[in-house]
Amino acid sequence: MSDAPIIAQKAPYAVPVEAGKTYYWCACGQSKNQPFCDGSHKGSSFTPLAFTAEDTKTAYLCGCKHTQNAPFCDGSHKAL
């Protein structure tokens, strides 16, 4: 795999998250469990991003893997 992540989708993933729970966002784009890591990055330069939800809510996690505000969508997919 190159140093550029695979674009899983050009839109955010709206996922329910629970306050205080830690999640692992896929940074490489290869996970079959998008937007979360399933270990597909092994052997690459990518590692998942651990984050703990501050609130129980719907989070909009980046699907294109190009956000500057990982793991959250910042609209970067609009320029791809």
C-alpha atoms as a PDB file:
ATOM      1  CA  MET A   1       0.000   0.000   0.000  1.00  0.00           C
ATOM      2  CA  SER A   2       1.202   3.500  -0.763  1.00  0.00           C
ATOM      3  CA  ASP A   3       1.389   6.364   1.700  1.00  0.00           C
ATOM      4  CA  ALA A   4      -2.016   7.664   0.554  1.00  0.00           C
ATOM      5  CA  PRO A   5      -5.079   6.170   2.218  1.00  0.00           C
ATOM      6  CA  ILE A   6      -7.748   4.436   0.177  1.00  0.00           C
ATOM      7  CA  ILE A   7     -10.920   6.520  -0.103  1.00  0.00           C
ATOM      8  CA  ALA A   8     -13.556   4.309   1.512  1.00  0.00           C
ATOM      9  CA  GLN A   9     -16.333   6.726   0.499  1.00  0.00           C
ATOM     10  CA  LYS A  10     -16.633  10.420  -0.387  1.00  0.00           C
ATOM     11  CA  ALA A  11     -19.017  11.185   2.465  1.00  0.00           C
ATOM     12  CA  PRO A  12     -18.912  10.924   6.242  1.00  0.00           C
ATOM     13  CA  TYR A  13     -20.156   7.897   8.161  1.00  0.00           C
ATOM     14  CA  ALA A  14     -22.943   8.816  10.575  1.00  0.00           C
ATOM     15  CA  VAL A  15     -22.422   6.450  13.496  1.00  0.00           C
ATOM     16  CA  PRO A  16     -23.824   6.333  17.008  1.00  0.00           C
ATOM     17  CA  VAL A  17     -21.141   6.703  19.685  1.00  0.00           C
ATOM     18  CA  GLU A  18     -21.423   6.328  23.441  1.00  0.00           C
ATOM     19  CA  ALA A  19     -19.931   8.803  25.928  1.00  0.00           C
ATOM     20  CA  GLY A  20     -16.757   7.461  27.547  1.00  0.00           C
ATOM     21  CA  LYS A  21     -16.317   4.589  25.070  1.00  0.00           C
ATOM     22  CA  THR A  22     -13.122   4.342  23.018  1.00  0.00           C
ATOM     23  CA  TYR A  23     -13.336   3.714  19.282  1.00  0.00           C
ATOM     24  CA  TYR A  24     -10.630   2.991  16.688  1.00  0.00           C
ATOM     25  CA  TRP A  25     -11.134   4.912  13.443  1.00  0.00           C
ATOM     26  CA  CYS A  26      -9.703   3.328  10.286  1.00  0.00           C
ATOM     27  CA  ALA A  27      -7.045   5.642   8.815  1.00  0.00           C
ATOM     28  CA  CYS A  28      -5.982   3.450   5.859  1.00  0.00           C
ATOM     29  CA  GLY A  29      -9.378   3.007   4.186  1.00  0.00           C
ATOM     30  CA  GLN A  30      -9.013  -0.777   3.812  1.00  0.00           C
ATOM     31  CA  SER A  31     -11.167  -1.913   6.757  1.00  0.00           C
ATOM     32  CA  LYS A  32     -14.239  -3.969   5.887  1.00  0.00           C
ATOM     33  CA  ASN A  33     -15.793  -2.537   9.071  1.00  0.00           C
ATOM     34  CA  GLN A  34     -15.781   1.153   8.034  1.00  0.00           C
ATOM     35  CA  PRO A  35     -15.350   3.608   9.592  1.00  0.00           C
ATOM     36  CA  PHE A  36     -13.722   1.482  12.270  1.00  0.00           C
ATOM     37  CA  CYS A  37     -10.467  -0.482  12.151  1.00  0.00           C
ATOM     38  CA  ASP A  38     -10.497  -4.228  11.507  1.00  0.00           C
ATOM     39  CA  GLY A  39      -6.704  -4.678  11.346  1.00  0.00           C
ATOM     40  CA  SER A  40      -6.434  -4.404   7.533  1.00  0.00           C
ATOM     41  CA  HIS A  41      -3.631  -1.825   7.932  1.00  0.00           C
ATOM     42  CA  LYS A  42      -1.155  -4.441   9.182  1.00  0.00           C
ATOM     43  CA  GLY A  43       2.034  -4.298   7.134  1.00  0.00           C
ATOM     44  CA  SER A  44       1.413  -0.691   6.072  1.00  0.00           C
ATOM     45  CA  SER A  45       2.492   2.663   7.457  1.00  0.00           C
ATOM     46  CA  PHE A  46      -1.028   3.323   8.793  1.00  0.00           C
ATOM     47  CA  THR A  47      -2.331   2.909  12.318  1.00  0.00           C
ATOM     48  CA  PRO A  48      -5.881   3.391  13.564  1.00  0.00           C
ATOM     49  CA  LEU A  49      -6.776   6.512  15.509  1.00  0.00           C
ATOM     50  CA  ALA A  50      -8.147   5.847  18.985  1.00  0.00           C
ATOM     51  CA  PHE A  51     -10.678   8.371  20.237  1.00  0.00           C
ATOM     52  CA  THR A  52     -13.024   8.477  23.191  1.00  0.00           C
ATOM     53  CA  ALA A  53     -16.501   9.842  22.601  1.00  0.00           C
ATOM     54  CA  GLU A  54     -17.276  12.882  24.746  1.00  0.00           C
ATOM     55  CA  ASP A  55     -21.050  12.547  24.351  1.00  0.00           C
ATOM     56  CA  THR A  56     -23.581   9.907  23.398  1.00  0.00           C
ATOM     57  CA  LYS A  57     -24.666  11.107  19.969  1.00  0.00           C
ATOM     58  CA  THR A  58     -24.353  10.559  16.236  1.00  0.00           C
ATOM     59  CA  ALA A  59     -20.783  11.293  15.155  1.00  0.00           C
ATOM     60  CA  TYR A  60     -19.841  12.064  11.553  1.00  0.00           C
ATOM     61  CA  LEU A  61     -16.595  10.192  10.969  1.00  0.00           C
ATOM     62  CA  CYS A  62     -14.462  10.784   7.902  1.00  0.00           C
ATOM     63  CA  GLY A  63     -14.981   8.302   5.072  1.00  0.00           C
ATOM     64  CA  CYS A  64     -12.456   9.709   2.591  1.00  0.00           C
ATOM     65  CA  LYS A  65      -9.537   9.494   5.067  1.00  0.00           C
ATOM     66  CA  HIS A  66      -8.267  12.950   4.056  1.00  0.00           C
ATOM     67  CA  THR A  67      -9.761  15.019   6.905  1.00  0.00           C
ATOM     68  CA  GLN A  68      -7.565  17.478   8.788  1.00  0.00           C
ATOM     69  CA  ASN A  69      -9.726  16.876  11.882  1.00  0.00           C
ATOM     70  CA  ALA A  70      -9.450  13.081  12.242  1.00  0.00           C
ATOM     71  CA  PRO A  71     -11.497  11.114  12.938  1.00  0.00           C
ATOM     72  CA  PHE A  72     -14.247  13.620  12.185  1.00  0.00           C
ATOM     73  CA  CYS A  73     -15.376  14.759   8.743  1.00  0.00           C
ATOM     74  CA  ASP A  74     -14.231  18.282   7.842  1.00  0.00           C
ATOM     75  CA  GLY A  75     -15.602  18.333   4.284  1.00  0.00           C
ATOM     76  CA  SER A  76     -12.280  17.374   2.630  1.00  0.00           C
ATOM     77  CA  HIS A  77     -14.136  14.814   0.484  1.00  0.00           C
ATOM     78  CA  LYS A  78     -15.705  17.676  -1.485  1.00  0.00           C
ATOM     79  CA  ALA A  79     -12.288  18.470  -3.025  1.00  0.00           C
ATOM     80  CA  LEU A  80     -11.398  14.892  -4.009  1.00  0.00           C
END
